[in-house]
Amino acid sequence: MIQLCKSSCFIFFLLLLPLIPRTAASDSPTALADAAKPFLGRWDLTLRSADKEYPSWLELTEQNGQLKANFVSRWGNARPLPQAEISDGVLTFVSPKADEERKDDMVFHGRFKGAILSGATTGPDGDPWTWTGERAPSLHRSGTPKWGRPVELFNGKDLTGWHLSSPDPAHPWTVVDGTLVSPGEGPEIINDSKFEDFKLQVEFNCGANANSGLYLRGRYEVQVEDDSIQEPPSHHMGGVYGFTAPSPEMPRRPGEWQTFDITLIGRNVTVVQNGKTIIDNQEIPGITGGALDSHEGLPGPIYLQGSEKGHVAYRKITLTPALNKK
């Protein structure tokens, strides 16, 4: 009975929204700016179906009297949305059906409940979902970090210290000759420990037309790939997926061993590939699609992507944690 009431109230809410009279917020740039101001900025979103939570991310800006939205859905990269507006304190934004792989657009409605954004949408089958948004933390750090003792995350023998995102006997992660090999279109592999700020040294060998990735704190993906040359530069090897392109971009070397030295302090990242700095202390605005969660202020694990095609081998994964506090 309670579940029926929730579903009915949700549908009633959606039906009423088009009938709500618009305020002057849509009539003048000044009024829009005033109405939009509390909503502007970056938001860590959590989408909730009946049995699962999905991390997401939203950035709202005001440009020339118009509300603009940049969005990371359950997968993929940050992308601009075609529609975002505020009317009578209700935020509405629309993620196109083609990007959501569904028959209709994914329409979000929400309003403030205290400092939290709270709202409703629908899942791919039209079932009611809810969502909440918390302001993304700045993650600003002051001072120079002091470093602890290096930790070897991979022992070169087995999967001790790691777990899979889901069991998949047909596509296992394997240890071959001291290397950890991705399955290709299988599960992700997640380290059991969680970290805040750190330096990460990785040796990897990316096969031809293969794709993997290193998720920092389980939220920000540094690309490991040899199949995305036609995609935007931030999708290329060493880029922070969807946000920051490597510069300079190093020559592709499929089938050869390479190195990454990655430093993550707050939300600022430096990536050194084969001894050459390709991202220099750049801010990561938000999470990557496929993140484990959207709680950016919390520690998180290293995870290696196994759901893309081909095989990537890793033979050294060394993490040195920062000891200084925020």
Protein backbone atom coordinates (compact mmCIF):
# COMPACT_ATOMS: atom_id res chain seq x y z
CA MET A 1 0.00 0.00 0.00
CA ILE A 2 2.85 2.42 0.89
CA GLN A 3 4.70 1.60 -2.33
CA LEU A 4 1.49 2.17 -4.35
CA CYS A 5 1.02 5.55 -2.69
CA LYS A 6 4.61 6.57 -3.48
CA SER A 7 4.21 5.62 -7.15
CA SER A 8 0.86 7.40 -7.44
CA CYS A 9 2.16 10.56 -5.78
CA PHE A 10 5.21 10.53 -8.07
CA ILE A 11 3.07 10.28 -11.21
CA PHE A 12 0.70 12.97 -9.91
CA PHE A 13 3.72 15.25 -9.27
CA LEU A 14 4.97 14.79 -12.84
CA LEU A 15 1.52 15.46 -14.30
CA LEU A 16 1.15 18.69 -12.34
CA LEU A 17 4.55 20.17 -13.24
CA PRO A 18 3.59 21.37 -16.76
CA LEU A 19 0.55 23.15 -15.25
CA ILE A 20 2.57 25.18 -12.75
CA PRO A 21 2.55 28.80 -13.93
CA ARG A 22 5.95 30.17 -14.79
CA THR A 23 7.40 33.05 -12.85
CA ALA A 24 9.34 36.00 -14.12
CA ALA A 25 12.48 33.86 -13.86
CA SER A 26 11.95 32.91 -17.50
CA ASP A 27 11.04 36.46 -18.60
CA SER A 28 14.19 38.45 -17.90
CA PRO A 29 17.91 37.69 -17.54
CA THR A 30 18.04 39.43 -14.16
CA ALA A 31 15.13 37.41 -12.80
CA LEU A 32 16.66 34.20 -14.14
CA ALA A 33 20.00 34.97 -12.53
CA ASP A 34 18.33 35.58 -9.18
CA ALA A 35 16.25 32.39 -9.38
CA ALA A 36 19.18 30.29 -10.60
CA LYS A 37 21.82 31.52 -8.16
CA PRO A 38 21.09 28.96 -5.37
CA PHE A 39 21.32 26.13 -7.93
CA LEU A 40 24.56 27.13 -9.63
CA GLY A 41 27.69 25.06 -9.16
CA ARG A 42 28.61 21.40 -9.13
CA TRP A 43 26.43 18.70 -7.63
CA ASP A 44 27.19 15.11 -6.71
CA LEU A 45 24.03 13.20 -7.57
CA THR A 46 22.74 9.81 -6.47
CA LEU A 47 19.96 8.23 -8.51
CA ARG A 48 17.85 5.57 -6.78
CA SER A 49 15.76 2.86 -8.37
CA ALA A 50 13.78 0.34 -6.33
CA ASP A 51 16.86 -1.83 -5.76
CA LYS A 52 19.99 0.08 -6.78
CA GLU A 53 21.85 3.37 -6.54
CA TYR A 54 23.64 5.05 -9.45
CA PRO A 55 26.29 7.81 -9.12
CA SER A 56 25.83 10.88 -11.30
CA TRP A 57 27.04 14.49 -11.51
CA LEU A 58 25.66 17.85 -12.59
CA GLU A 59 27.17 21.29 -13.15
CA LEU A 60 24.89 24.32 -13.55
CA THR A 61 26.09 27.67 -14.86
CA GLU A 62 24.37 30.86 -16.01
CA GLN A 63 25.55 32.22 -19.36
CA ASN A 64 24.08 35.31 -21.02
CA GLY A 65 20.83 34.96 -19.14
CA GLN A 66 20.47 31.24 -19.85
CA LEU A 67 20.85 28.26 -17.55
CA LYS A 68 23.40 25.74 -18.85
CA ALA A 69 23.87 22.19 -17.61
CA ASN A 70 26.80 19.78 -17.92
CA PHE A 71 25.90 16.24 -16.89
CA VAL A 72 27.46 12.84 -16.20
CA SER A 73 24.89 10.07 -16.26
CA ARG A 74 25.26 6.49 -15.06
CA TRP A 75 27.94 5.89 -17.70
CA GLY A 76 29.97 7.87 -20.21
CA ASN A 77 31.47 11.33 -19.99
CA ALA A 78 30.38 14.85 -19.07
CA ARG A 79 28.16 16.36 -21.77
CA PRO A 80 26.00 19.47 -22.19
CA LEU A 81 22.25 19.00 -21.84
CA PRO A 82 19.75 20.43 -24.34
CA GLN A 83 17.37 21.71 -21.66
CA ALA A 84 17.69 23.05 -18.13
CA GLU A 85 15.36 25.54 -16.47
CA ILE A 86 14.07 26.76 -13.12
CA SER A 87 10.44 27.63 -12.53
CA ASP A 88 8.87 28.43 -9.14
CA GLY A 89 11.79 26.86 -7.34
CA VAL A 90 11.68 23.62 -9.38
CA LEU A 91 14.78 22.62 -11.34
CA THR A 92 14.12 20.66 -14.54
CA PHE A 93 16.82 19.18 -16.76
CA VAL A 94 16.62 16.68 -19.59
CA SER A 95 19.05 13.96 -20.67
CA PRO A 96 18.28 12.87 -24.26
CA LYS A 97 17.01 9.37 -24.91
CA ALA A 98 19.87 8.57 -27.29
CA ASP A 99 22.42 9.20 -24.54
CA GLU A 100 20.41 7.16 -22.03
CA GLU A 101 19.74 4.25 -24.43
CA ARG A 102 16.00 4.34 -23.82
CA LYS A 103 12.79 5.09 -25.74
CA ASP A 104 12.15 8.49 -24.19
CA ASP A 105 14.11 11.37 -22.71
CA MET A 106 15.14 11.13 -19.07
CA VAL A 107 13.50 14.14 -17.41
CA PHE A 108 14.65 15.24 -13.95
CA HIS A 109 12.62 17.48 -11.62
CA GLY A 110 13.91 18.61 -8.23
CA ARG A 111 13.82 21.29 -5.58
CA PHE A 112 15.72 22.19 -2.43
CA LYS A 113 15.13 20.37 0.83
CA GLY A 114 17.42 22.31 3.11
CA ALA A 115 20.82 22.32 1.43
CA ILE A 116 20.06 19.14 -0.55
CA LEU A 117 18.50 18.91 -4.00
CA SER A 118 15.79 16.26 -3.99
CA GLY A 119 13.69 15.12 -6.89
CA ALA A 120 12.21 12.49 -9.16
CA THR A 121 12.72 10.98 -12.59
CA THR A 122 11.89 7.69 -14.29
CA GLY A 123 13.95 4.63 -15.09
CA PRO A 124 14.27 3.07 -18.57
CA ASP A 125 11.02 1.13 -18.08
CA GLY A 126 9.11 4.13 -16.79
CA ASP A 127 9.31 3.05 -13.17
CA PRO A 128 9.67 5.87 -10.61
CA TRP A 129 13.16 6.80 -9.48
CA THR A 130 14.24 9.41 -6.94
CA TRP A 131 17.45 11.38 -6.81
CA THR A 132 19.36 13.64 -4.45
CA GLY A 133 22.17 16.09 -5.00
CA GLU A 134 24.81 17.36 -2.60
CA ARG A 135 27.16 20.21 -3.41
CA ALA A 136 30.43 18.80 -4.68
CA PRO A 137 33.26 19.57 -2.24
CA SER A 138 36.13 21.79 -3.34
CA LEU A 139 38.71 19.27 -2.02
CA HIS A 140 41.15 22.15 -1.65
CA ARG A 141 44.41 21.17 0.03
CA SER A 142 46.91 23.54 1.62
CA GLY A 143 50.60 22.96 2.15
CA THR A 144 52.91 20.35 0.68
CA PRO A 145 51.96 16.71 1.27
CA LYS A 146 54.11 14.39 3.33
CA TRP A 147 54.26 10.90 1.96
CA GLY A 148 53.89 7.59 3.75
CA ARG A 149 55.34 4.21 2.89
CA PRO A 150 54.65 2.78 -0.57
CA VAL A 151 52.12 -0.04 -0.73
CA GLU A 152 52.17 -2.75 -3.41
CA LEU A 153 48.54 -3.26 -4.39
CA PHE A 154 49.26 -6.25 -6.65
CA ASN A 155 51.43 -9.08 -5.34
CA GLY A 156 52.22 -10.58 -8.75
CA LYS A 157 50.76 -13.95 -7.76
CA ASP A 158 47.01 -13.80 -7.32
CA LEU A 159 44.04 -11.50 -6.67
CA THR A 160 44.66 -11.08 -2.96
CA GLY A 161 43.50 -7.61 -1.88
CA TRP A 162 41.10 -7.23 -4.80
CA HIS A 163 37.46 -8.09 -5.50
CA LEU A 164 35.29 -8.12 -8.61
CA SER A 165 32.37 -5.80 -9.26
CA SER A 166 30.30 -8.90 -10.07
CA PRO A 167 31.10 -12.58 -10.55
CA ASP A 168 31.61 -13.57 -14.19
CA PRO A 169 33.29 -16.97 -14.61
CA ALA A 170 33.17 -16.60 -18.40
CA HIS A 171 35.30 -13.42 -18.29
CA PRO A 172 37.77 -13.72 -15.39
CA TRP A 173 40.63 -11.47 -14.45
CA THR A 174 43.75 -13.65 -14.57
CA VAL A 175 47.32 -13.58 -13.31
CA VAL A 176 49.70 -14.69 -16.08
CA ASP A 177 53.48 -14.67 -15.62
CA GLY A 178 53.25 -12.15 -12.81
CA THR A 179 50.88 -9.81 -14.64
CA LEU A 180 47.24 -8.97 -13.93
CA VAL A 181 45.27 -9.25 -17.20
CA SER A 182 41.88 -7.69 -17.89
CA PRO A 183 39.19 -10.05 -19.20
CA GLY A 184 37.69 -7.94 -21.98
CA GLU A 185 33.98 -7.19 -21.60
CA GLY A 186 33.96 -8.57 -18.08
CA PRO A 187 33.75 -7.19 -14.54
CA GLU A 188 35.78 -4.39 -13.00
CA ILE A 189 38.38 -5.30 -10.37
CA ILE A 190 38.43 -3.15 -7.22
CA ASN A 191 41.11 -2.87 -4.56
CA ASP A 192 39.95 -3.58 -1.03
CA SER A 193 41.64 -0.50 0.49
CA LYS A 194 40.51 3.12 0.27
CA PHE A 195 42.69 6.20 -0.08
CA GLU A 196 42.46 10.00 -0.10
CA ASP A 197 45.54 11.66 -1.64
CA PHE A 198 48.29 9.55 -3.15
CA LYS A 199 50.95 8.91 -5.75
CA LEU A 200 50.33 5.89 -7.98
CA GLN A 201 52.93 4.11 -10.12
CA VAL A 202 51.60 1.67 -12.69
CA GLU A 203 53.26 -0.45 -15.36
CA PHE A 204 50.86 -1.56 -18.08
CA ASN A 205 50.73 -3.17 -21.50
CA CYS A 206 47.72 -2.24 -23.64
CA GLY A 207 46.94 -4.62 -26.48
CA ALA A 208 45.98 -3.41 -29.93
CA ASN A 209 42.37 -2.12 -30.04
CA ALA A 210 42.03 -2.74 -26.30
CA ASN A 211 40.57 -0.48 -23.63
CA SER A 212 40.76 -0.30 -19.85
CA GLY A 213 41.16 2.47 -17.31
CA LEU A 214 42.44 3.39 -13.86
CA TYR A 215 39.74 4.77 -11.56
CA LEU A 216 41.23 7.00 -8.86
CA ARG A 217 39.28 6.82 -5.58
CA GLY A 218 36.88 4.75 -7.66
CA ARG A 219 35.56 7.96 -9.28
CA TYR A 220 37.97 9.53 -11.79
CA GLU A 221 39.14 7.51 -14.79
CA VAL A 222 42.58 7.88 -16.33
CA GLN A 223 42.31 6.26 -19.75
CA VAL A 224 44.29 3.19 -20.80
CA GLU A 225 43.32 2.53 -24.40
CA ASP A 226 44.28 1.83 -27.99
CA ASP A 227 40.82 2.03 -29.57
CA SER A 228 39.60 5.61 -29.09
CA ILE A 229 41.59 7.57 -31.65
CA GLN A 230 38.37 8.77 -33.33
CA GLU A 231 36.92 9.98 -30.03
CA PRO A 232 37.56 13.35 -28.31
CA PRO A 233 41.13 13.89 -27.01
CA SER A 234 40.08 13.49 -23.35
CA HIS A 235 39.19 9.87 -24.22
CA HIS A 236 42.74 9.12 -25.37
CA MET A 237 45.52 7.39 -23.47
CA GLY A 238 46.35 9.23 -20.25
CA GLY A 239 43.39 11.59 -20.39
CA VAL A 240 40.94 12.06 -17.53
CA TYR A 241 37.92 10.68 -19.34
CA GLY A 242 35.56 13.37 -20.56
CA PHE A 243 37.36 16.23 -18.83
CA THR A 244 41.09 16.64 -19.51
CA ALA A 245 43.07 15.69 -22.61
CA PRO A 246 46.72 14.64 -22.45
CA SER A 247 49.06 17.37 -23.68
CA PRO A 248 51.27 16.46 -25.33
CA GLU A 249 49.65 13.21 -26.40
CA MET A 250 52.25 10.46 -26.51
CA PRO A 251 52.68 8.14 -29.53
CA ARG A 252 50.58 5.00 -29.36
CA ARG A 253 52.52 1.87 -28.38
CA PRO A 254 50.17 -1.12 -28.39
CA GLY A 255 51.71 -4.32 -27.09
CA GLU A 256 54.57 -2.51 -25.28
CA TRP A 257 55.12 -1.97 -21.57
CA GLN A 258 54.56 1.64 -20.46
CA THR A 259 54.38 3.56 -17.20
CA PHE A 260 52.05 6.00 -15.51
CA ASP A 261 53.05 8.10 -12.51
CA ILE A 262 49.85 9.70 -11.23
CA THR A 263 49.54 12.14 -8.33
CA LEU A 264 46.10 12.99 -6.96
CA ILE A 265 45.87 15.79 -4.38
CA GLY A 266 42.31 16.82 -3.59
CA ARG A 267 40.78 17.00 -7.05
CA ASN A 268 44.01 18.06 -8.77
CA VAL A 269 45.79 15.44 -10.83
CA THR A 270 49.19 15.14 -12.49
CA VAL A 271 49.79 12.34 -15.00
CA VAL A 272 53.27 11.41 -16.22
CA GLN A 273 53.43 8.85 -19.04
CA ASN A 274 56.75 7.20 -19.76
CA GLY A 275 58.55 10.01 -17.96
CA LYS A 276 56.72 12.84 -19.78
CA THR A 277 54.16 15.04 -18.01
CA ILE A 278 50.93 14.98 -20.03
CA ILE A 279 48.57 16.47 -17.40
CA ASP A 280 50.10 19.00 -15.03
CA ASN A 281 48.22 19.61 -11.76
CA GLN A 282 44.83 20.04 -13.42
CA GLU A 283 41.51 20.12 -11.57
CA ILE A 284 39.09 17.22 -12.14
CA PRO A 285 35.63 18.85 -12.15
CA GLY A 286 33.58 15.73 -11.39
CA ILE A 287 33.18 11.99 -11.49
CA THR A 288 33.44 9.72 -14.53
CA GLY A 289 30.50 7.61 -15.61
CA GLY A 290 31.02 4.17 -14.10
CA ALA A 291 32.22 5.60 -10.78
CA LEU A 292 31.55 3.46 -7.73
CA ASP A 293 29.83 6.37 -5.99
CA SER A 294 29.52 10.14 -6.16
CA HIS A 295 30.68 10.91 -2.60
CA GLU A 296 33.72 12.91 -3.65
CA GLY A 297 34.65 13.98 -0.14
CA LEU A 298 35.32 10.40 1.00
CA PRO A 299 38.32 8.12 0.45
CA GLY A 300 37.96 5.56 -2.31
CA PRO A 301 39.73 2.58 -3.88
CA ILE A 302 41.77 2.09 -7.02
CA TYR A 303 39.80 0.12 -9.55
CA LEU A 304 40.76 -1.23 -12.96
CA GLN A 305 38.24 -1.31 -15.77
CA GLY A 306 37.53 -4.73 -17.27
CA SER A 307 34.22 -4.05 -19.00
CA GLU A 308 35.71 -2.71 -22.24
CA LYS A 309 37.07 -4.83 -25.09
CA GLY A 310 40.48 -6.40 -25.48
CA HIS A 311 43.15 -7.14 -22.90
CA VAL A 312 45.38 -4.88 -20.85
CA ALA A 313 48.08 -6.30 -18.55
CA TYR A 314 49.28 -4.65 -15.33
CA ARG A 315 52.44 -5.83 -13.57
CA LYS A 316 53.24 -3.13 -11.01
CA ILE A 317 50.70 -1.10 -9.04
CA THR A 318 52.40 0.85 -6.25
CA LEU A 319 50.54 3.45 -4.18
CA THR A 320 52.16 5.93 -1.81
CA PRO A 321 49.58 7.62 0.44
CA ALA A 322 49.80 11.22 1.59
CA LEU A 323 49.95 11.61 5.38
CA ASN A 324 48.86 15.23 5.70
CA LYS A 325 45.30 16.05 6.71
CA LYS A 326 42.94 18.36 4.88
